[in-house]
C-alpha cells in the first residue's frame, strides 16, 4: 500500500530536519492512461532513499536520478514521459499515456 500524501510530505520534513538534501517530485499533468493522478508525490533524499510514487513504478528510477541532480544544483526540472518518447520506453512507461513531473529541491 502506498503511503498517504501526509506521510510522504511528512517524511520530506523529517529528512530536512535531519540535515539531508531533499527533493519533491509532483505529477503536474497527465494525458491518456497515466499510472498516477495529478498531484501524486515522490520524495527523495540525498542518499537516494524515496517514498511515494509518480508513475506506479515505471519511471521512478529516472525521476530519482534527476532528483539527485536537483538536490545538488538546486535547479528545478520538468520531466515528461510518454509512450512516444524513447526515454519512456527505456524506463518502462508503455501504458499509452503521458505524464509531466515537476522536481524541486526542498530548502
N, C-alpha and C. Protein backbone atom coordinates (compact mmCIF):
# COMPACT_ATOMS: atom_id res chain seq x y z
N UNK A 1 0.84 -1.17 0.00
CA UNK A 1 0.00 0.00 0.00
C UNK A 1 0.90 1.25 0.00
N UNK A 2 0.56 2.20 -0.83
CA UNK A 2 1.32 3.45 -0.88
C UNK A 2 1.03 4.30 0.35
N UNK A 3 2.01 5.04 0.76
CA UNK A 3 1.83 5.97 1.88
C UNK A 3 0.90 7.10 1.45
N UNK A 4 0.26 7.73 2.42
CA UNK A 4 -0.60 8.87 2.12
C UNK A 4 0.26 10.09 1.79
N UNK A 5 -0.35 11.10 1.17
CA UNK A 5 0.38 12.35 0.88
C UNK A 5 0.96 12.95 2.16
N UNK A 6 0.20 12.87 3.26
CA UNK A 6 0.71 13.41 4.53
C UNK A 6 1.97 12.66 4.96
N UNK A 7 1.97 11.34 4.82
CA UNK A 7 3.15 10.54 5.18
C UNK A 7 4.34 10.90 4.29
N UNK A 8 4.08 11.05 2.99
CA UNK A 8 5.14 11.33 2.02
C UNK A 8 5.77 12.68 2.30
N UNK A 9 4.96 13.71 2.41
CA UNK A 9 5.48 15.06 2.66
C UNK A 9 6.04 15.18 4.08
N UNK A 10 5.47 14.45 5.01
CA UNK A 10 5.99 14.42 6.37
C UNK A 10 7.40 13.83 6.40
N UNK A 11 7.63 12.80 5.59
CA UNK A 11 8.97 12.20 5.52
C UNK A 11 9.97 13.19 4.95
N UNK A 12 9.56 13.97 3.98
CA UNK A 12 10.45 15.01 3.43
C UNK A 12 10.86 15.97 4.55
N UNK A 13 9.92 16.34 5.39
CA UNK A 13 10.21 17.25 6.51
C UNK A 13 11.17 16.60 7.51
N UNK A 14 10.95 15.32 7.80
CA UNK A 14 11.84 14.60 8.72
C UNK A 14 13.27 14.58 8.17
N UNK A 15 13.41 14.28 6.87
CA UNK A 15 14.74 14.24 6.25
C UNK A 15 15.40 15.61 6.30
N UNK A 16 14.65 16.67 6.00
CA UNK A 16 15.23 18.03 6.03
C UNK A 16 15.68 18.39 7.44
N UNK A 17 14.86 18.09 8.42
CA UNK A 17 15.24 18.40 9.81
C UNK A 17 16.47 17.62 10.25
N UNK A 18 16.72 16.48 9.62
CA UNK A 18 17.90 15.67 9.91
C UNK A 18 19.12 16.18 9.14
N UNK A 19 18.95 17.25 8.36
CA UNK A 19 20.06 17.84 7.63
C UNK A 19 20.31 17.24 6.26
N UNK A 20 19.41 16.41 5.79
CA UNK A 20 19.59 15.80 4.47
C UNK A 20 19.10 16.73 3.36
N UNK A 21 19.69 16.58 2.18
CA UNK A 21 19.16 17.23 0.99
C UNK A 21 17.91 16.47 0.56
N UNK A 22 16.89 17.20 0.14
CA UNK A 22 15.61 16.57 -0.21
C UNK A 22 15.03 17.22 -1.45
N UNK A 23 14.42 16.39 -2.29
CA UNK A 23 13.66 16.89 -3.44
C UNK A 23 12.26 16.27 -3.40
N UNK A 24 11.32 17.02 -3.95
CA UNK A 24 9.95 16.54 -4.10
C UNK A 24 9.61 16.53 -5.58
N UNK A 25 9.12 15.40 -6.05
CA UNK A 25 8.64 15.27 -7.42
C UNK A 25 7.12 15.20 -7.36
N UNK A 26 6.46 15.98 -8.21
CA UNK A 26 5.00 16.05 -8.21
C UNK A 26 4.49 15.89 -9.64
N UNK A 27 3.50 15.02 -9.82
CA UNK A 27 2.86 14.89 -11.12
C UNK A 27 2.03 16.16 -11.33
N UNK A 28 2.36 16.93 -12.38
CA UNK A 28 1.66 18.18 -12.62
C UNK A 28 0.69 18.11 -13.80
N UNK A 29 0.88 17.14 -14.68
CA UNK A 29 -0.06 16.95 -15.79
C UNK A 29 -0.05 15.49 -16.21
N UNK A 30 -1.20 15.03 -16.67
CA UNK A 30 -1.31 13.68 -17.24
C UNK A 30 -2.15 13.76 -18.51
N UNK A 31 -1.91 12.82 -19.41
CA UNK A 31 -2.71 12.68 -20.63
C UNK A 31 -2.96 11.20 -20.84
N UNK A 32 -4.15 10.87 -21.26
CA UNK A 32 -4.46 9.48 -21.57
C UNK A 32 -4.40 8.60 -20.34
N UNK A 33 -3.90 7.40 -20.53
CA UNK A 33 -3.83 6.40 -19.46
C UNK A 33 -2.55 6.61 -18.66
N UNK A 34 -2.64 7.42 -17.62
CA UNK A 34 -1.49 7.72 -16.78
C UNK A 34 -1.53 6.85 -15.53
N UNK A 35 -0.39 6.35 -15.09
CA UNK A 35 -0.37 5.43 -13.95
C UNK A 35 -0.71 6.07 -12.61
N UNK A 36 -0.43 7.36 -12.41
CA UNK A 36 -0.71 8.05 -11.16
C UNK A 36 -1.38 9.38 -11.48
N UNK A 37 -2.29 9.84 -10.64
CA UNK A 37 -3.02 11.08 -10.92
C UNK A 37 -2.18 12.33 -10.65
N UNK A 38 -2.63 13.44 -11.23
CA UNK A 38 -2.04 14.74 -10.94
C UNK A 38 -2.04 14.96 -9.43
N UNK A 39 -0.94 15.51 -8.93
CA UNK A 39 -0.80 15.76 -7.50
C UNK A 39 -0.07 14.66 -6.75
N UNK A 40 0.20 13.53 -7.41
CA UNK A 40 0.94 12.46 -6.74
C UNK A 40 2.37 12.90 -6.47
N UNK A 41 2.93 12.45 -5.34
CA UNK A 41 4.26 12.89 -4.91
C UNK A 41 5.23 11.73 -4.74
N UNK A 42 6.50 12.05 -4.96
CA UNK A 42 7.61 11.18 -4.64
C UNK A 42 8.64 12.07 -3.97
N UNK A 43 9.10 11.71 -2.77
CA UNK A 43 10.15 12.48 -2.10
C UNK A 43 11.42 11.65 -2.11
N UNK A 44 12.54 12.35 -2.29
CA UNK A 44 13.83 11.71 -2.45
C UNK A 44 14.84 12.42 -1.57
N UNK A 45 15.70 11.65 -0.85
CA UNK A 45 16.75 12.30 -0.09
C UNK A 45 18.08 12.19 -0.84
N UNK A 46 19.11 12.84 -0.30
CA UNK A 46 20.39 12.90 -0.99
C UNK A 46 21.16 11.59 -0.99
N UNK A 47 20.62 10.56 -0.33
CA UNK A 47 21.23 9.23 -0.36
C UNK A 47 20.48 8.30 -1.32
N UNK A 48 19.43 8.83 -1.97
CA UNK A 48 18.66 8.04 -2.91
C UNK A 48 17.49 7.29 -2.30
N UNK A 49 17.21 7.51 -1.02
CA UNK A 49 16.02 6.92 -0.43
C UNK A 49 14.80 7.68 -0.95
N UNK A 50 13.69 6.98 -1.12
CA UNK A 50 12.49 7.66 -1.62
C UNK A 50 11.24 7.04 -1.05
N UNK A 51 10.17 7.82 -1.09
CA UNK A 51 8.86 7.39 -0.62
C UNK A 51 7.81 8.02 -1.51
N UNK A 52 6.80 7.26 -1.85
CA UNK A 52 5.72 7.75 -2.70
C UNK A 52 5.83 7.19 -4.10
N UNK A 53 5.08 7.77 -5.03
CA UNK A 53 5.10 7.29 -6.41
C UNK A 53 4.56 8.36 -7.35
N UNK A 54 5.20 8.49 -8.49
CA UNK A 54 4.70 9.37 -9.53
C UNK A 54 4.32 8.60 -10.79
N UNK A 55 4.58 7.29 -10.78
CA UNK A 55 4.28 6.55 -12.01
C UNK A 55 3.95 5.09 -11.79
N UNK A 56 3.63 4.70 -10.60
CA UNK A 56 3.33 3.30 -10.38
C UNK A 56 4.55 2.42 -10.57
N UNK A 57 5.74 3.00 -10.53
CA UNK A 57 6.97 2.23 -10.63
C UNK A 57 7.65 2.28 -11.97
N UNK A 58 6.94 2.71 -13.02
CA UNK A 58 7.55 2.62 -14.35
C UNK A 58 8.65 3.62 -14.64
N UNK A 59 8.63 4.79 -14.05
CA UNK A 59 9.69 5.78 -14.34
C UNK A 59 10.37 6.31 -13.08
N UNK A 60 10.08 5.70 -11.94
CA UNK A 60 10.64 6.20 -10.69
C UNK A 60 12.16 6.30 -10.70
N UNK A 61 12.83 5.31 -11.27
CA UNK A 61 14.30 5.33 -11.30
C UNK A 61 14.85 6.58 -11.98
N UNK A 62 14.26 6.94 -13.10
CA UNK A 62 14.69 8.14 -13.82
C UNK A 62 14.39 9.40 -13.01
N UNK A 63 13.24 9.44 -12.35
CA UNK A 63 12.88 10.61 -11.54
C UNK A 63 13.84 10.72 -10.35
N UNK A 64 14.18 9.61 -9.71
CA UNK A 64 15.12 9.64 -8.59
C UNK A 64 16.47 10.17 -9.05
N UNK A 65 16.95 9.70 -10.20
CA UNK A 65 18.23 10.17 -10.74
C UNK A 65 18.21 11.67 -10.98
N UNK A 66 17.15 12.18 -11.59
CA UNK A 66 17.02 13.62 -11.83
C UNK A 66 16.91 14.38 -10.52
N UNK A 67 16.20 13.81 -9.54
CA UNK A 67 16.04 14.47 -8.25
C UNK A 67 17.38 14.63 -7.53
N UNK A 68 18.26 13.65 -7.68
CA UNK A 68 19.59 13.76 -7.08
C UNK A 68 20.34 14.96 -7.66
N UNK A 69 20.18 15.18 -8.97
CA UNK A 69 20.79 16.35 -9.60
C UNK A 69 20.16 17.64 -9.10
N UNK A 70 18.85 17.64 -8.91
CA UNK A 70 18.15 18.82 -8.40
C UNK A 70 18.63 19.14 -6.99
N UNK A 71 18.82 18.12 -6.16
CA UNK A 71 19.33 18.34 -4.81
C UNK A 71 20.72 18.99 -4.88
N UNK A 72 21.55 18.51 -5.81
CA UNK A 72 22.92 19.02 -5.94
C UNK A 72 22.99 20.45 -6.45
N UNK A 73 22.24 20.73 -7.53
CA UNK A 73 22.40 22.05 -8.16
C UNK A 73 21.28 23.04 -7.83
N UNK A 74 20.22 22.58 -7.20
CA UNK A 74 19.14 23.48 -6.81
C UNK A 74 18.24 23.94 -7.93
N UNK A 75 18.47 23.44 -9.15
CA UNK A 75 17.67 23.88 -10.30
C UNK A 75 16.50 22.91 -10.52
N UNK A 76 15.26 23.41 -10.37
CA UNK A 76 14.11 22.53 -10.61
C UNK A 76 14.05 22.09 -12.06
N UNK A 77 13.38 20.98 -12.27
CA UNK A 77 13.24 20.42 -13.61
C UNK A 77 11.80 19.97 -13.84
N UNK A 78 11.39 20.01 -15.10
CA UNK A 78 10.13 19.42 -15.52
C UNK A 78 10.49 18.24 -16.40
N UNK A 79 10.04 17.06 -16.01
CA UNK A 79 10.33 15.84 -16.75
C UNK A 79 9.05 15.38 -17.43
N UNK A 80 9.17 14.90 -18.64
CA UNK A 80 7.99 14.42 -19.35
C UNK A 80 8.27 13.02 -19.88
N UNK A 81 7.32 12.14 -19.64
CA UNK A 81 7.42 10.76 -20.10
C UNK A 81 6.14 10.41 -20.84
N UNK A 82 6.28 9.75 -21.98
CA UNK A 82 5.11 9.35 -22.74
C UNK A 82 5.41 8.16 -23.61
N UNK A 83 4.37 7.55 -24.11
CA UNK A 83 4.53 6.32 -24.87
C UNK A 83 5.33 6.54 -26.16
N UNK A 84 5.29 7.76 -26.71
CA UNK A 84 6.03 8.03 -27.94
C UNK A 84 7.46 8.47 -27.67
N UNK A 85 7.80 8.66 -26.42
CA UNK A 85 9.11 9.15 -26.02
C UNK A 85 10.05 7.96 -25.85
N UNK A 86 11.18 7.97 -26.53
CA UNK A 86 12.14 6.87 -26.45
C UNK A 86 12.57 6.62 -25.01
N UNK A 87 12.74 7.69 -24.23
CA UNK A 87 13.11 7.55 -22.83
C UNK A 87 12.03 6.80 -22.07
N UNK A 88 10.78 7.09 -22.37
CA UNK A 88 9.68 6.43 -21.67
C UNK A 88 9.73 4.93 -21.92
N UNK A 89 9.98 4.52 -23.14
CA UNK A 89 10.08 3.09 -23.42
C UNK A 89 11.26 2.48 -22.67
N UNK A 90 12.36 3.21 -22.63
CA UNK A 90 13.55 2.70 -21.94
C UNK A 90 13.25 2.48 -20.47
N UNK A 91 12.51 3.39 -19.85
CA UNK A 91 12.23 3.25 -18.42
C UNK A 91 10.91 2.55 -18.14
N UNK A 92 10.19 2.14 -19.18
CA UNK A 92 9.05 1.27 -18.97
C UNK A 92 7.67 1.89 -18.99
N UNK A 93 7.49 3.14 -19.43
CA UNK A 93 6.15 3.73 -19.48
C UNK A 93 5.50 3.36 -20.80
N UNK A 94 4.86 2.21 -20.82
CA UNK A 94 4.23 1.74 -22.05
C UNK A 94 2.72 1.66 -21.90
N UNK A 95 2.16 2.40 -20.95
CA UNK A 95 0.73 2.34 -20.64
C UNK A 95 -0.12 3.12 -21.64
N UNK A 96 0.50 3.85 -22.53
CA UNK A 96 -0.25 4.60 -23.52
C UNK A 96 -0.49 6.04 -23.13
N UNK A 97 -0.12 6.42 -21.95
CA UNK A 97 -0.33 7.79 -21.50
C UNK A 97 0.95 8.59 -21.47
N UNK A 98 0.81 9.81 -20.94
CA UNK A 98 1.96 10.70 -20.75
C UNK A 98 1.83 11.37 -19.40
N UNK A 99 2.97 11.62 -18.80
CA UNK A 99 2.96 12.36 -17.54
C UNK A 99 4.03 13.44 -17.57
N UNK A 100 3.76 14.51 -16.86
CA UNK A 100 4.74 15.58 -16.67
C UNK A 100 4.96 15.70 -15.15
N UNK A 101 6.25 15.69 -14.76
CA UNK A 101 6.61 15.68 -13.35
C UNK A 101 7.52 16.87 -13.06
N UNK A 102 7.17 17.65 -12.05
CA UNK A 102 7.98 18.79 -11.62
C UNK A 102 8.81 18.34 -10.42
N UNK A 103 10.14 18.54 -10.50
CA UNK A 103 11.04 18.12 -9.43
C UNK A 103 11.71 19.37 -8.88
N UNK A 104 11.61 19.56 -7.55
CA UNK A 104 12.20 20.74 -6.92
C UNK A 104 12.88 20.35 -5.62
N UNK A 105 13.92 21.11 -5.28
CA UNK A 105 14.62 20.89 -4.02
C UNK A 105 13.82 21.54 -2.89
N UNK A 106 13.83 20.88 -1.74
CA UNK A 106 13.18 21.43 -0.55
C UNK A 106 14.26 22.12 0.27
N UNK A 107 14.12 23.41 0.47
CA UNK A 107 15.10 24.17 1.24
C UNK A 107 14.57 24.54 2.60
